Amino acid sequence: MSISDFTGDAVLTAIKNEVDGGRLYLFSGPVPASADDPLDMDNVHTQIAEFTEGNDGMTGLTFAAPVGAGMLKSPAEVWEATVAFDGVNAGATTLTPTFYRFGAPGDDCRGAATGARLQGTAGGPLTNLPCGDQTANGANKISVDTFVVAAEAG
């Protein structure tokens, strides 16, 4: 099946409307089969970072309007986080991210999904999410300059 650019724009606009103002989370542990699945923070998963606008801990992240069949992070925003581990390996010094989740406002992306949510692997081709070892020392900051949500058209 293929979709038109118009259909891709409509799909991405619907996604944008659901997730704008949400947050991006970076995790270590096995990648869940679905973005709907809850995480097991007590036994296998650890949150590495929570991205907010300018790392202020309060302001959610937004996307630019879709163009073609792609949607980029808002170029005016700085998506940044302080590396802080929370979960099974909270006491570790370094961890390697394995996946991310972008949740709608109010979704910490840990429980079963109750709304729109995106999930992908760390270091994937459409993001510049950190994929190497991250050190949690209370001061290390990481940022995301590129984040693309795409609907395949053709």
C-alpha atoms as a PDB file:
ATOM      1  CA  MET A   1       0.000   0.000   0.000  1.00  0.00           C
ATOM      2  CA  SER A   2       1.144   3.512  -0.630  1.00  0.00           C
ATOM      3  CA  ILE A   3      -0.330   6.811   0.486  1.00  0.00           C
ATOM      4  CA  SER A   4      -0.421  10.262  -1.062  1.00  0.00           C
ATOM      5  CA  ASP A   5       1.481  13.212   0.404  1.00  0.00           C
ATOM      6  CA  PHE A   6      -1.915  14.679   1.298  1.00  0.00           C
ATOM      7  CA  THR A   7      -2.747  11.582   3.340  1.00  0.00           C
ATOM      8  CA  GLY A   8       0.698  11.660   4.966  1.00  0.00           C
ATOM      9  CA  ASP A   9       0.175  15.286   5.950  1.00  0.00           C
ATOM     10  CA  ALA A  10      -3.236  14.460   7.420  1.00  0.00           C
ATOM     11  CA  VAL A  11      -1.822  11.570   9.450  1.00  0.00           C
ATOM     12  CA  LEU A  12       1.113  13.623  10.710  1.00  0.00           C
ATOM     13  CA  THR A  13      -1.110  16.587  11.572  1.00  0.00           C
ATOM     14  CA  ALA A  14      -3.254  14.265  13.679  1.00  0.00           C
ATOM     15  CA  ILE A  15      -0.131  12.933  15.427  1.00  0.00           C
ATOM     16  CA  LYS A  16       1.154  16.496  15.964  1.00  0.00           C
ATOM     17  CA  ASN A  17      -2.169  17.514  17.520  1.00  0.00           C
ATOM     18  CA  GLU A  18      -1.926  14.608  19.981  1.00  0.00           C
ATOM     19  CA  VAL A  19       1.730  14.802  21.033  1.00  0.00           C
ATOM     20  CA  ASP A  20       2.577  18.534  20.869  1.00  0.00           C
ATOM     21  CA  GLY A  21       3.455  19.681  24.363  1.00  0.00           C
ATOM     22  CA  GLY A  22       4.587  16.189  25.345  1.00  0.00           C
ATOM     23  CA  ARG A  23       8.026  14.994  26.321  1.00  0.00           C
ATOM     24  CA  LEU A  24      10.769  12.835  24.886  1.00  0.00           C
ATOM     25  CA  TYR A  25      12.267  10.120  27.105  1.00  0.00           C
ATOM     26  CA  LEU A  26      15.427   8.082  26.567  1.00  0.00           C
ATOM     27  CA  PHE A  27      15.606   4.584  28.110  1.00  0.00           C
ATOM     28  CA  SER A  28      17.972   1.639  28.483  1.00  0.00           C
ATOM     29  CA  GLY A  29      16.852  -1.979  28.533  1.00  0.00           C
ATOM     30  CA  PRO A  30      15.124  -4.234  26.036  1.00  0.00           C
ATOM     31  CA  VAL A  31      13.074  -2.395  23.413  1.00  0.00           C
ATOM     32  CA  PRO A  32       9.372  -3.130  23.957  1.00  0.00           C
ATOM     33  CA  ALA A  33       7.542  -4.796  21.076  1.00  0.00           C
ATOM     34  CA  SER A  34       5.015  -1.951  20.991  1.00  0.00           C
ATOM     35  CA  ALA A  35       4.839   1.671  22.122  1.00  0.00           C
ATOM     36  CA  ASP A  36       1.634   0.585  23.913  1.00  0.00           C
ATOM     37  CA  ASP A  37       3.510  -1.785  26.242  1.00  0.00           C
ATOM     38  CA  PRO A  38       4.287  -0.789  29.840  1.00  0.00           C
ATOM     39  CA  LEU A  39       7.932  -0.661  30.921  1.00  0.00           C
ATOM     40  CA  ASP A  40       9.312  -2.749  33.795  1.00  0.00           C
ATOM     41  CA  MET A  41      11.255  -0.071  35.668  1.00  0.00           C
ATOM     42  CA  ASP A  42      11.847  -2.400  38.659  1.00  0.00           C
ATOM     43  CA  ASN A  43      13.510  -5.216  36.724  1.00  0.00           C
ATOM     44  CA  VAL A  44      14.771  -4.290  33.241  1.00  0.00           C
ATOM     45  CA  HIS A  45      14.268  -0.636  32.227  1.00  0.00           C
ATOM     46  CA  THR A  46      15.971   2.603  33.274  1.00  0.00           C
ATOM     47  CA  GLN A  47      15.077   6.124  32.202  1.00  0.00           C
ATOM     48  CA  ILE A  48      18.236   7.932  31.145  1.00  0.00           C
ATOM     49  CA  ALA A  49      16.825  11.365  30.358  1.00  0.00           C
ATOM     50  CA  GLU A  50      13.628  13.407  30.065  1.00  0.00           C
ATOM     51  CA  PHE A  51      13.762  16.118  27.400  1.00  0.00           C
ATOM     52  CA  THR A  52      11.925  19.397  27.836  1.00  0.00           C
ATOM     53  CA  GLU A  53      12.216  22.746  26.066  1.00  0.00           C
ATOM     54  CA  GLY A  54      15.521  24.255  27.185  1.00  0.00           C
ATOM     55  CA  ASN A  55      15.804  21.567  29.910  1.00  0.00           C
ATOM     56  CA  ASP A  56      13.476  23.633  32.106  1.00  0.00           C
ATOM     57  CA  GLY A  57      11.697  20.509  33.398  1.00  0.00           C
ATOM     58  CA  MET A  58       8.299  21.990  32.630  1.00  0.00           C
ATOM     59  CA  THR A  59       7.818  23.036  29.008  1.00  0.00           C
ATOM     60  CA  GLY A  60       6.753  20.349  26.580  1.00  0.00           C
ATOM     61  CA  LEU A  61       8.150  19.845  23.080  1.00  0.00           C
ATOM     62  CA  THR A  62       6.474  20.641  19.788  1.00  0.00           C
ATOM     63  CA  PHE A  63       6.770  19.813  16.116  1.00  0.00           C
ATOM     64  CA  ALA A  64       6.707  22.075  13.074  1.00  0.00           C
ATOM     65  CA  ALA A  65       3.788  21.701  10.671  1.00  0.00           C
ATOM     66  CA  PRO A  66       4.143  18.617   8.455  1.00  0.00           C
ATOM     67  CA  VAL A  67       5.628  19.114   4.996  1.00  0.00           C
ATOM     68  CA  GLY A  68       5.281  16.396   2.382  1.00  0.00           C
ATOM     69  CA  ALA A  69       5.155  13.249   4.453  1.00  0.00           C
ATOM     70  CA  GLY A  70       7.580  14.403   7.168  1.00  0.00           C
ATOM     71  CA  MET A  71       7.371  16.368  10.397  1.00  0.00           C
ATOM     72  CA  LEU A  72      10.418  17.881  12.120  1.00  0.00           C
ATOM     73  CA  LYS A  73      10.935  19.062  15.670  1.00  0.00           C
ATOM     74  CA  SER A  74      10.179  22.740  16.005  1.00  0.00           C
ATOM     75  CA  PRO A  75      13.413  24.425  14.853  1.00  0.00           C
ATOM     76  CA  ALA A  76      12.980  27.264  17.375  1.00  0.00           C
ATOM     77  CA  GLU A  77      13.098  24.851  20.328  1.00  0.00           C
ATOM     78  CA  VAL A  78      16.072  23.424  22.185  1.00  0.00           C
ATOM     79  CA  TRP A  79      15.269  19.856  23.177  1.00  0.00           C
ATOM     80  CA  GLU A  80      17.598  19.233  26.113  1.00  0.00           C
ATOM     81  CA  ALA A  81      17.862  17.005  29.200  1.00  0.00           C
ATOM     82  CA  THR A  82      20.113  16.385  32.156  1.00  0.00           C
ATOM     83  CA  VAL A  83      21.272  12.764  32.307  1.00  0.00           C
ATOM     84  CA  ALA A  84      19.667  11.266  35.432  1.00  0.00           C
ATOM     85  CA  PHE A  85      19.006   7.534  35.820  1.00  0.00           C
ATOM     86  CA  ASP A  86      15.702   6.287  37.243  1.00  0.00           C
ATOM     87  CA  GLY A  87      14.693   2.649  37.282  1.00  0.00           C
ATOM     88  CA  VAL A  88      16.374  -0.704  37.792  1.00  0.00           C
ATOM     89  CA  ASN A  89      19.883   0.694  37.178  1.00  0.00           C
ATOM     90  CA  ALA A  90      19.375   4.044  38.937  1.00  0.00           C
ATOM     91  CA  GLY A  91      22.661   3.568  40.825  1.00  0.00           C
ATOM     92  CA  ALA A  92      24.756   2.946  37.722  1.00  0.00           C
ATOM     93  CA  THR A  93      27.415   5.427  36.634  1.00  0.00           C
ATOM     94  CA  THR A  94      27.001   4.924  32.886  1.00  0.00           C
ATOM     95  CA  LEU A  95      24.281   3.403  30.732  1.00  0.00           C
ATOM     96  CA  THR A  96      23.752   2.977  27.002  1.00  0.00           C
ATOM     97  CA  PRO A  97      20.377   4.129  25.635  1.00  0.00           C
ATOM     98  CA  THR A  98      18.485   1.582  23.575  1.00  0.00           C
ATOM     99  CA  PHE A  99      15.173   3.291  22.760  1.00  0.00           C
ATOM    100  CA  TYR A 100      13.116   6.437  23.073  1.00  0.00           C
ATOM    101  CA  ARG A 101       9.492   7.241  23.626  1.00  0.00           C
ATOM    102  CA  PHE A 102       7.718  10.505  22.865  1.00  0.00           C
ATOM    103  CA  GLY A 103       4.511  10.788  24.836  1.00  0.00           C
ATOM    104  CA  ALA A 104       1.552  13.120  24.775  1.00  0.00           C
ATOM    105  CA  PRO A 105       1.280  15.701  27.568  1.00  0.00           C
ATOM    106  CA  GLY A 106       0.885  13.952  30.922  1.00  0.00           C
ATOM    107  CA  ASP A 107       2.319  10.610  29.703  1.00  0.00           C
ATOM    108  CA  ASP A 108       5.599   9.611  31.385  1.00  0.00           C
ATOM    109  CA  CYS A 109       5.828   6.763  28.820  1.00  0.00           C
ATOM    110  CA  ARG A 110       6.289   4.113  31.521  1.00  0.00           C
ATOM    111  CA  GLY A 111       2.836   2.580  31.855  1.00  0.00           C
ATOM    112  CA  ALA A 112       0.598   1.092  29.203  1.00  0.00           C
ATOM    113  CA  ALA A 113      -0.285   3.727  26.609  1.00  0.00           C
ATOM    114  CA  THR A 114      -3.571   5.537  27.112  1.00  0.00           C
ATOM    115  CA  GLY A 115      -2.981   8.046  24.315  1.00  0.00           C
ATOM    116  CA  ALA A 116      -0.721   8.848  21.391  1.00  0.00           C
ATOM    117  CA  ARG A 117       2.897   7.751  21.782  1.00  0.00           C
ATOM    118  CA  LEU A 118       5.902   7.325  19.497  1.00  0.00           C
ATOM    119  CA  GLN A 119       8.716   4.798  20.054  1.00  0.00           C
ATOM    120  CA  GLY A 120      11.959   4.085  18.231  1.00  0.00           C
ATOM    121  CA  THR A 121      15.514   2.913  18.734  1.00  0.00           C
ATOM    122  CA  ALA A 122      18.205   5.252  20.018  1.00  0.00           C
ATOM    123  CA  GLY A 123      20.497   6.468  17.274  1.00  0.00           C
ATOM    124  CA  GLY A 124      17.977   5.742  14.538  1.00  0.00           C
ATOM    125  CA  PRO A 125      18.408   7.361  11.124  1.00  0.00           C
ATOM    126  CA  LEU A 126      15.804  10.108  11.635  1.00  0.00           C
ATOM    127  CA  THR A 127      17.103  11.397  14.965  1.00  0.00           C
ATOM    128  CA  ASN A 128      20.391  12.405  16.461  1.00  0.00           C
ATOM    129  CA  LEU A 129      19.528  10.933  19.849  1.00  0.00           C
ATOM    130  CA  PRO A 130      22.564   9.915  21.860  1.00  0.00           C
ATOM    131  CA  CYS A 131      23.301   6.215  21.339  1.00  0.00           C
ATOM    132  CA  GLY A 132      26.618   5.831  23.180  1.00  0.00           C
ATOM    133  CA  ASP A 133      27.302   5.514  26.896  1.00  0.00           C
ATOM    134  CA  GLN A 134      25.784   8.278  29.007  1.00  0.00           C
ATOM    135  CA  THR A 135      27.154   9.258  32.419  1.00  0.00           C
ATOM    136  CA  ALA A 136      24.779  10.379  35.163  1.00  0.00           C
ATOM    137  CA  ASN A 137      26.615  12.809  37.411  1.00  0.00           C
ATOM    138  CA  GLY A 138      23.930  15.450  37.910  1.00  0.00           C
ATOM    139  CA  ALA A 139      25.528  17.838  35.412  1.00  0.00           C
ATOM    140  CA  ASN A 140      25.810  16.091  32.022  1.00  0.00           C
ATOM    141  CA  LYS A 141      23.349  17.527  29.540  1.00  0.00           C
ATOM    142  CA  ILE A 142      22.325  16.056  26.196  1.00  0.00           C
ATOM    143  CA  SER A 143      20.311  17.600  23.390  1.00  0.00           C
ATOM    144  CA  VAL A 144      18.470  16.577  20.242  1.00  0.00           C
ATOM    145  CA  ASP A 145      18.965  18.745  17.171  1.00  0.00           C
ATOM    146  CA  THR A 146      17.193  16.480  14.661  1.00  0.00           C
ATOM    147  CA  PHE A 147      13.971  14.538  15.164  1.00  0.00           C
ATOM    148  CA  VAL A 148      11.790  13.540  12.208  1.00  0.00           C
ATOM    149  CA  VAL A 149       8.448  11.736  12.167  1.00  0.00           C
ATOM    150  CA  ALA A 150       7.748  10.374   8.690  1.00  0.00           C
ATOM    151  CA  ALA A 151       4.732   8.845   6.961  1.00  0.00           C
ATOM    152  CA  GLU A 152       5.769   6.828   3.950  1.00  0.00           C
ATOM    153  CA  ALA A 153       4.277   8.187   0.785  1.00  0.00           C
ATOM    154  CA  GLY A 154       4.610   6.998  -2.738  1.00  0.00           C
END
